[in-house]
Amino acid sequence: MVDDDFPFYNGRPALVTGGRWWIVLLGVLLGFAALIALPVPGLLGVWTRAILFVAIPLVVYARVVPGHWTAIFRRLRFRDLGTMVLFALLNLVIMLVLGVLLLHAAGLAANPLGDDLAKMPTGERILTFLAMVPQLFGEELFSVLPFLALLYWLHHRLALSRSTAVVVAWLATAVIFGVAHLPTYDWNLVQCFVIIGTARLVLLLAYFRTKNILVAAGAHILNDWAMFGLALA
């Protein structure tokens, strides 16, 4: 029977100690640096940054936990597709409601990718939508790996209960995700911590429910495709 708990924090399938988690987080940061700072222009740059955003943290993580790196993955089942759709729709509705409530109070900034997509020819636009697949999978690595590191430190090192550690790590991961989006949304604190942070909480629930990062990534991809697609329409 497949263990339905989060991996590593409790020694299953292996205990990843604090020093090794720091190496994993360094890989996450290097991947993020490649995403935001690699000076490659055009569509080639979009794809290069997206692939490195995935490849760097995944390779580092796999080297740190050899033989156990697949613990964040599960086989995709047909019902997982329904879970992806459910969480994508839930996130869209929550973001829409929060956006309406905060539009005038916070002066929300638009994602610049929306304007870029509107100016692209059809072929380039399709390739840019496809490039969202690796980038958004990278965003799930950017969230799930720090969540698991925090879960280890909070539960194993600080001796918090499992449930308390999960909640604190869940909230802290949303804050980290909000901080990462500050440059994208013109340093709007309310937008990044309330709207983007809440979106991160919802999408992480897809991972919590299935213990499968592929399901969380699928929900994220469907969410962003729908969001940018509706904006174009």
C-alpha atoms as a PDB file:
ATOM      1  CA  MET A   1       0.000   0.000   0.000  1.00  0.00           C
ATOM      2  CA  VAL A   2       1.305   3.485  -0.897  1.00  0.00           C
ATOM      3  CA  ASP A   3       2.168   5.644   2.105  1.00  0.00           C
ATOM      4  CA  ASP A   4      -0.343   8.510   2.009  1.00  0.00           C
ATOM      5  CA  ASP A   5       1.725  10.873   4.157  1.00  0.00           C
ATOM      6  CA  PHE A   6       4.164  13.566   3.076  1.00  0.00           C
ATOM      7  CA  PRO A   7       7.644  12.195   2.352  1.00  0.00           C
ATOM      8  CA  PHE A   8      10.906  12.654   4.218  1.00  0.00           C
ATOM      9  CA  TYR A   9       9.914  14.571   7.373  1.00  0.00           C
ATOM     10  CA  ASN A  10       9.173  11.338   9.275  1.00  0.00           C
ATOM     11  CA  GLY A  11      11.970   9.215   7.824  1.00  0.00           C
ATOM     12  CA  ARG A  12       9.870   7.651   5.048  1.00  0.00           C
ATOM     13  CA  PRO A  13      11.041   6.763   2.465  1.00  0.00           C
ATOM     14  CA  ALA A  14      14.235   8.328   3.866  1.00  0.00           C
ATOM     15  CA  LEU A  15      15.137  10.982   6.406  1.00  0.00           C
ATOM     16  CA  VAL A  16      16.484  14.089   4.665  1.00  0.00           C
ATOM     17  CA  THR A  17      18.382  16.095   7.279  1.00  0.00           C
ATOM     18  CA  GLY A  18      18.675  19.850   7.587  1.00  0.00           C
ATOM     19  CA  GLY A  19      21.990  20.181   5.768  1.00  0.00           C
ATOM     20  CA  ARG A  20      20.676  18.352   2.734  1.00  0.00           C
ATOM     21  CA  TRP A  21      17.511  20.461   2.720  1.00  0.00           C
ATOM     22  CA  TRP A  22      19.704  23.567   2.473  1.00  0.00           C
ATOM     23  CA  ILE A  23      21.253  22.110  -0.683  1.00  0.00           C
ATOM     24  CA  VAL A  24      17.779  21.437  -2.112  1.00  0.00           C
ATOM     25  CA  LEU A  25      16.720  25.021  -1.355  1.00  0.00           C
ATOM     26  CA  LEU A  26      19.883  26.325  -3.001  1.00  0.00           C
ATOM     27  CA  GLY A  27      18.858  24.418  -6.135  1.00  0.00           C
ATOM     28  CA  VAL A  28      15.408  26.006  -5.921  1.00  0.00           C
ATOM     29  CA  LEU A  29      16.947  29.478  -5.646  1.00  0.00           C
ATOM     30  CA  LEU A  30      19.318  28.854  -8.565  1.00  0.00           C
ATOM     31  CA  GLY A  31      16.394  27.725 -10.714  1.00  0.00           C
ATOM     32  CA  PHE A  32      14.447  30.850  -9.770  1.00  0.00           C
ATOM     33  CA  ALA A  33      17.474  33.031 -10.555  1.00  0.00           C
ATOM     34  CA  ALA A  34      17.659  31.467 -14.024  1.00  0.00           C
ATOM     35  CA  LEU A  35      13.950  32.178 -14.536  1.00  0.00           C
ATOM     36  CA  ILE A  36      14.121  35.862 -13.700  1.00  0.00           C
ATOM     37  CA  ALA A  37      17.625  36.851 -14.757  1.00  0.00           C
ATOM     38  CA  LEU A  38      18.893  34.723 -17.663  1.00  0.00           C
ATOM     39  CA  PRO A  39      19.520  37.207 -20.510  1.00  0.00           C
ATOM     40  CA  VAL A  40      18.239  35.201 -23.475  1.00  0.00           C
ATOM     41  CA  PRO A  41      15.820  37.183 -25.676  1.00  0.00           C
ATOM     42  CA  GLY A  42      12.606  36.173 -27.377  1.00  0.00           C
ATOM     43  CA  LEU A  43      10.806  32.860 -27.425  1.00  0.00           C
ATOM     44  CA  LEU A  44      14.078  30.968 -27.046  1.00  0.00           C
ATOM     45  CA  GLY A  45      14.614  32.787 -23.771  1.00  0.00           C
ATOM     46  CA  VAL A  46      11.101  31.954 -22.572  1.00  0.00           C
ATOM     47  CA  TRP A  47      11.680  28.243 -23.152  1.00  0.00           C
ATOM     48  CA  THR A  48      15.270  28.240 -21.858  1.00  0.00           C
ATOM     49  CA  ARG A  49      14.326  29.963 -18.608  1.00  0.00           C
ATOM     50  CA  ALA A  50      11.303  27.723 -18.101  1.00  0.00           C
ATOM     51  CA  ILE A  51      13.304  24.522 -18.629  1.00  0.00           C
ATOM     52  CA  LEU A  52      16.140  25.625 -16.331  1.00  0.00           C
ATOM     53  CA  PHE A  53      13.577  26.635 -13.698  1.00  0.00           C
ATOM     54  CA  VAL A  54      12.524  22.979 -13.629  1.00  0.00           C
ATOM     55  CA  ALA A  55      15.793  21.224 -14.384  1.00  0.00           C
ATOM     56  CA  ILE A  56      18.079  22.885 -11.836  1.00  0.00           C
ATOM     57  CA  PRO A  57      16.034  22.232  -8.666  1.00  0.00           C
ATOM     58  CA  LEU A  58      14.921  18.802  -9.863  1.00  0.00           C
ATOM     59  CA  VAL A  59      18.480  17.643 -10.577  1.00  0.00           C
ATOM     60  CA  VAL A  60      19.780  19.007  -7.260  1.00  0.00           C
ATOM     61  CA  TYR A  61      16.899  17.421  -5.354  1.00  0.00           C
ATOM     62  CA  ALA A  62      17.437  14.078  -7.118  1.00  0.00           C
ATOM     63  CA  ARG A  63      21.151  14.124  -6.213  1.00  0.00           C
ATOM     64  CA  VAL A  64      20.380  14.913  -2.581  1.00  0.00           C
ATOM     65  CA  VAL A  65      17.863  12.065  -2.189  1.00  0.00           C
ATOM     66  CA  PRO A  66      19.182   9.416  -4.625  1.00  0.00           C
ATOM     67  CA  GLY A  67      16.734   6.606  -5.136  1.00  0.00           C
ATOM     68  CA  HIS A  68      13.902   8.477  -3.424  1.00  0.00           C
ATOM     69  CA  TRP A  69      13.379  11.581  -5.567  1.00  0.00           C
ATOM     70  CA  THR A  70      10.187  10.107  -7.025  1.00  0.00           C
ATOM     71  CA  ALA A  71       8.522  10.376  -3.608  1.00  0.00           C
ATOM     72  CA  ILE A  72       6.846  13.636  -4.657  1.00  0.00           C
ATOM     73  CA  PHE A  73       5.356  11.919  -7.727  1.00  0.00           C
ATOM     74  CA  ARG A  74       2.568   9.370  -8.042  1.00  0.00           C
ATOM     75  CA  ARG A  75       1.124   7.584 -11.014  1.00  0.00           C
ATOM     76  CA  LEU A  76      -1.568   9.718 -12.626  1.00  0.00           C
ATOM     77  CA  ARG A  77      -5.022   8.153 -12.496  1.00  0.00           C
ATOM     78  CA  PHE A  78      -8.095   9.171 -14.449  1.00  0.00           C
ATOM     79  CA  ARG A  79      -9.716  10.695 -11.369  1.00  0.00           C
ATOM     80  CA  ASP A  80      -6.639  12.893 -10.924  1.00  0.00           C
ATOM     81  CA  LEU A  81      -7.734  14.786 -14.031  1.00  0.00           C
ATOM     82  CA  GLY A  82     -10.947  15.654 -12.231  1.00  0.00           C
ATOM     83  CA  THR A  83      -8.933  16.830  -9.224  1.00  0.00           C
ATOM     84  CA  MET A  84      -6.874  19.091 -11.493  1.00  0.00           C
ATOM     85  CA  VAL A  85     -10.014  20.636 -12.981  1.00  0.00           C
ATOM     86  CA  LEU A  86     -11.651  21.014  -9.560  1.00  0.00           C
ATOM     87  CA  PHE A  87      -8.741  22.891  -8.004  1.00  0.00           C
ATOM     88  CA  ALA A  88      -8.172  24.989 -11.129  1.00  0.00           C
ATOM     89  CA  LEU A  89     -11.808  26.104 -11.094  1.00  0.00           C
ATOM     90  CA  LEU A  90     -11.776  26.670  -7.338  1.00  0.00           C
ATOM     91  CA  ASN A  91      -8.679  28.806  -7.637  1.00  0.00           C
ATOM     92  CA  LEU A  92     -10.110  30.823 -10.524  1.00  0.00           C
ATOM     93  CA  VAL A  93     -13.270  31.585  -8.571  1.00  0.00           C
ATOM     94  CA  ILE A  94     -11.356  32.585  -5.432  1.00  0.00           C
ATOM     95  CA  MET A  95      -8.963  34.798  -7.388  1.00  0.00           C
ATOM     96  CA  LEU A  96     -11.879  36.439  -9.191  1.00  0.00           C
ATOM     97  CA  VAL A  97     -13.706  37.162  -5.943  1.00  0.00           C
ATOM     98  CA  LEU A  98     -10.588  38.529  -4.255  1.00  0.00           C
ATOM     99  CA  GLY A  99      -9.753  40.565  -7.352  1.00  0.00           C
ATOM    100  CA  VAL A 100     -13.192  42.191  -7.363  1.00  0.00           C
ATOM    101  CA  LEU A 101     -13.055  42.896  -3.628  1.00  0.00           C
ATOM    102  CA  LEU A 102      -9.563  44.390  -3.722  1.00  0.00           C
ATOM    103  CA  LEU A 103      -9.572  46.083  -7.138  1.00  0.00           C
ATOM    104  CA  HIS A 104     -10.282  49.591  -5.890  1.00  0.00           C
ATOM    105  CA  ALA A 105      -8.668  49.269  -2.471  1.00  0.00           C
ATOM    106  CA  ALA A 106      -5.337  47.905  -3.657  1.00  0.00           C
ATOM    107  CA  GLY A 107      -4.999  49.189  -7.238  1.00  0.00           C
ATOM    108  CA  LEU A 108      -4.167  45.796  -8.732  1.00  0.00           C
ATOM    109  CA  ALA A 109      -1.430  45.473 -11.341  1.00  0.00           C
ATOM    110  CA  ALA A 110      -1.821  43.404 -14.505  1.00  0.00           C
ATOM    111  CA  ASN A 111       0.513  40.534 -15.299  1.00  0.00           C
ATOM    112  CA  PRO A 112       2.726  41.863 -18.132  1.00  0.00           C
ATOM    113  CA  LEU A 113       2.540  38.515 -19.882  1.00  0.00           C
ATOM    114  CA  GLY A 114      -1.081  39.305 -20.758  1.00  0.00           C
ATOM    115  CA  ASP A 115      -0.061  42.330 -22.817  1.00  0.00           C
ATOM    116  CA  ASP A 116       2.786  40.379 -24.426  1.00  0.00           C
ATOM    117  CA  LEU A 117       0.420  37.573 -25.475  1.00  0.00           C
ATOM    118  CA  ALA A 118      -2.013  40.043 -27.019  1.00  0.00           C
ATOM    119  CA  LYS A 119       0.732  41.389 -29.300  1.00  0.00           C
ATOM    120  CA  MET A 120       2.063  37.995 -30.444  1.00  0.00           C
ATOM    121  CA  PRO A 121       1.231  36.254 -33.720  1.00  0.00           C
ATOM    122  CA  THR A 122      -0.767  33.057 -33.275  1.00  0.00           C
ATOM    123  CA  GLY A 123       2.149  30.628 -33.606  1.00  0.00           C
ATOM    124  CA  GLU A 124       4.290  32.417 -31.048  1.00  0.00           C
ATOM    125  CA  ARG A 125       1.307  32.702 -28.724  1.00  0.00           C
ATOM    126  CA  ILE A 126       0.729  28.933 -28.864  1.00  0.00           C
ATOM    127  CA  LEU A 127       4.401  28.228 -28.136  1.00  0.00           C
ATOM    128  CA  THR A 128       4.280  30.652 -25.207  1.00  0.00           C
ATOM    129  CA  PHE A 129       1.234  28.874 -23.775  1.00  0.00           C
ATOM    130  CA  LEU A 130       3.089  25.574 -24.145  1.00  0.00           C
ATOM    131  CA  ALA A 131       6.118  27.051 -22.365  1.00  0.00           C
ATOM    132  CA  MET A 132       3.856  27.614 -19.368  1.00  0.00           C
ATOM    133  CA  VAL A 133       3.877  23.829 -18.834  1.00  0.00           C
ATOM    134  CA  PRO A 134       7.519  23.575 -17.684  1.00  0.00           C
ATOM    135  CA  GLN A 135       7.433  26.974 -15.989  1.00  0.00           C
ATOM    136  CA  LEU A 136       4.367  26.163 -13.898  1.00  0.00           C
ATOM    137  CA  PHE A 137       5.757  22.741 -13.028  1.00  0.00           C
ATOM    138  CA  GLY A 138       8.809  24.687 -11.868  1.00  0.00           C
ATOM    139  CA  GLU A 139       6.556  26.840  -9.713  1.00  0.00           C
ATOM    140  CA  GLU A 140       5.242  23.696  -8.047  1.00  0.00           C
ATOM    141  CA  LEU A 141       8.814  22.566  -7.324  1.00  0.00           C
ATOM    142  CA  PHE A 142       9.433  26.099  -6.013  1.00  0.00           C
ATOM    143  CA  SER A 143       6.582  25.504  -3.550  1.00  0.00           C
ATOM    144  CA  VAL A 144       6.528  21.788  -2.729  1.00  0.00           C
ATOM    145  CA  LEU A 145      10.256  21.410  -2.005  1.00  0.00           C
ATOM    146  CA  PRO A 146      10.386  24.373   0.441  1.00  0.00           C
ATOM    147  CA  PHE A 147       7.158  23.087   2.022  1.00  0.00           C
ATOM    148  CA  LEU A 148       8.765  19.695   2.669  1.00  0.00           C
ATOM    149  CA  ALA A 149      11.924  21.344   4.022  1.00  0.00           C
ATOM    150  CA  LEU A 150       9.873  23.485   6.402  1.00  0.00           C
ATOM    151  CA  LEU A 151       7.822  20.470   7.445  1.00  0.00           C
ATOM    152  CA  TYR A 152      11.029  18.650   8.414  1.00  0.00           C
ATOM    153  CA  TRP A 153      12.405  21.575  10.416  1.00  0.00           C
ATOM    154  CA  LEU A 154       9.122  22.363  12.162  1.00  0.00           C
ATOM    155  CA  HIS A 155       8.223  18.779  13.059  1.00  0.00           C
ATOM    156  CA  HIS A 156      11.562  17.019  13.385  1.00  0.00           C
ATOM    157  CA  ARG A 157      13.715  19.844  14.743  1.00  0.00           C
ATOM    158  CA  LEU A 158      11.223  22.106  16.574  1.00  0.00           C
ATOM    159  CA  ALA A 159       9.015  19.211  17.722  1.00  0.00           C
ATOM    160  CA  LEU A 160       5.763  20.787  16.573  1.00  0.00           C
ATOM    161  CA  SER A 161       2.884  18.389  16.039  1.00  0.00           C
ATOM    162  CA  ARG A 162       2.421  17.144  12.500  1.00  0.00           C
ATOM    163  CA  SER A 163      -0.794  19.112  11.973  1.00  0.00           C
ATOM    164  CA  THR A 164       0.675  22.347  13.329  1.00  0.00           C
ATOM    165  CA  ALA A 165       3.834  21.908  11.252  1.00  0.00           C
ATOM    166  CA  VAL A 166       1.787  21.310   8.088  1.00  0.00           C
ATOM    167  CA  VAL A 167      -0.293  24.459   8.615  1.00  0.00           C
ATOM    168  CA  VAL A 168       2.703  26.667   9.426  1.00  0.00           C
ATOM    169  CA  ALA A 169       4.704  25.317   6.471  1.00  0.00           C
ATOM    170  CA  TRP A 170       1.662  25.740   4.190  1.00  0.00           C
ATOM    171  CA  LEU A 171       1.240  29.403   5.187  1.00  0.00           C
ATOM    172  CA  ALA A 172       4.982  30.125   5.032  1.00  0.00           C
ATOM    173  CA  THR A 173       5.190  28.643   1.535  1.00  0.00           C
ATOM    174  CA  ALA A 174       2.394  30.951   0.394  1.00  0.00           C
ATOM    175  CA  VAL A 175       4.322  33.943   1.768  1.00  0.00           C
ATOM    176  CA  ILE A 176       7.471  32.838  -0.104  1.00  0.00           C
ATOM    177  CA  PHE A 177       5.429  32.462  -3.291  1.00  0.00           C
ATOM    178  CA  GLY A 178       3.969  35.940  -2.812  1.00  0.00           C
ATOM    179  CA  VAL A 179       7.434  37.449  -2.347  1.00  0.00           C
ATOM    180  CA  ALA A 180       8.625  35.795  -5.575  1.00  0.00           C
ATOM    181  CA  HIS A 181       5.791  37.498  -7.488  1.00  0.00           C
ATOM    182  CA  LEU A 182       6.413  41.030  -6.191  1.00  0.00           C
ATOM    183  CA  PRO A 183       8.420  42.161  -9.268  1.00  0.00           C
ATOM    184  CA  THR A 184       5.758  40.722 -11.607  1.00  0.00           C
ATOM    185  CA  TYR A 185       2.956  42.698  -9.983  1.00  0.00           C
ATOM    186  CA  ASP A 186       4.716  46.044  -9.529  1.00  0.00           C
ATOM    187  CA  TRP A 187       5.569  45.343  -5.858  1.00  0.00           C
ATOM    188  CA  ASN A 188       1.907  45.415  -4.880  1.00  0.00           C
ATOM    189  CA  LEU A 189       2.009  43.842  -1.404  1.00  0.00           C
ATOM    190  CA  VAL A 190      -1.736  43.283  -1.091  1.00  0.00           C
ATOM    191  CA  GLN A 191      -1.985  41.652  -4.501  1.00  0.00           C
ATOM    192  CA  CYS A 192       1.000  39.350  -3.958  1.00  0.00           C
ATOM    193  CA  PHE A 193       0.294  38.295  -0.386  1.00  0.00           C
ATOM    194  CA  VAL A 194      -3.510  38.179  -0.459  1.00  0.00           C
ATOM    195  CA  ILE A 195      -4.418  37.141  -4.013  1.00  0.00           C
ATOM    196  CA  ILE A 196      -1.280  35.319  -5.182  1.00  0.00           C
ATOM    197  CA  GLY A 197      -0.642  33.910  -1.709  1.00  0.00           C
ATOM    198  CA  THR A 198      -4.197  32.592  -1.488  1.00  0.00           C
ATOM    199  CA  ALA A 199      -3.854  31.027  -4.937  1.00  0.00           C
ATOM    200  CA  ARG A 200      -0.730  29.247  -3.690  1.00  0.00           C
ATOM    201  CA  LEU A 201      -2.638  27.912  -0.683  1.00  0.00           C
ATOM    202  CA  VAL A 202      -5.374  26.521  -2.917  1.00  0.00           C
ATOM    203  CA  LEU A 203      -2.999  24.911  -5.413  1.00  0.00           C
ATOM    204  CA  LEU A 204      -0.935  23.339  -2.643  1.00  0.00           C
ATOM    205  CA  LEU A 205      -4.129  21.658  -1.454  1.00  0.00           C
ATOM    206  CA  ALA A 206      -4.100  19.681  -4.706  1.00  0.00           C
ATOM    207  CA  TYR A 207      -0.715  18.299  -3.651  1.00  0.00           C
ATOM    208  CA  PHE A 208      -1.928  17.714  -0.101  1.00  0.00           C
ATOM    209  CA  ARG A 209      -4.905  15.723  -1.351  1.00  0.00           C
ATOM    210  CA  THR A 210      -2.975  13.493  -3.735  1.00  0.00           C
ATOM    211  CA  LYS A 211       0.678  13.724  -2.567  1.00  0.00           C
ATOM    212  CA  ASN A 212       1.374  14.039  -6.299  1.00  0.00           C
ATOM    213  CA  ILE A 213       3.130  17.142  -7.598  1.00  0.00           C
ATOM    214  CA  LEU A 214       1.873  16.325 -11.102  1.00  0.00           C
ATOM    215  CA  VAL A 215      -1.720  16.916  -9.989  1.00  0.00           C
ATOM    216  CA  ALA A 216      -0.825  20.271  -8.452  1.00  0.00           C
ATOM    217  CA  ALA A 217       1.077  21.223 -11.605  1.00  0.00           C
ATOM    218  CA  GLY A 218      -1.850  20.167 -13.795  1.00  0.00           C
ATOM    219  CA  ALA A 219      -4.260  22.311 -11.770  1.00  0.00           C
ATOM    220  CA  HIS A 220      -1.852  25.246 -11.995  1.00  0.00           C
ATOM    221  CA  ILE A 221      -1.456  24.872 -15.761  1.00  0.00           C
ATOM    222  CA  LEU A 222      -5.219  24.679 -16.334  1.00  0.00           C
ATOM    223  CA  ASN A 223      -5.712  27.692 -14.062  1.00  0.00           C
ATOM    224  CA  ASP A 224      -3.208  29.890 -15.890  1.00  0.00           C
ATOM    225  CA  TRP A 225      -4.257  28.758 -19.350  1.00  0.00           C
ATOM    226  CA  ALA A 226      -7.860  29.651 -18.485  1.00  0.00           C
ATOM    227  CA  MET A 227      -6.859  32.966 -16.895  1.00  0.00           C
ATOM    228  CA  PHE A 228      -4.729  34.158 -19.823  1.00  0.00           C
ATOM    229  CA  GLY A 229      -7.102  32.648 -22.373  1.00  0.00           C
ATOM    230  CA  LEU A 230     -10.060  34.537 -20.906  1.00  0.00           C
ATOM    231  CA  ALA A 231      -8.007  37.747 -20.827  1.00  0.00           C
ATOM    232  CA  LEU A 232      -7.207  37.338 -24.541  1.00  0.00           C
ATOM    233  CA  ALA A 233     -10.836  36.616 -25.349  1.00  0.00           C
END
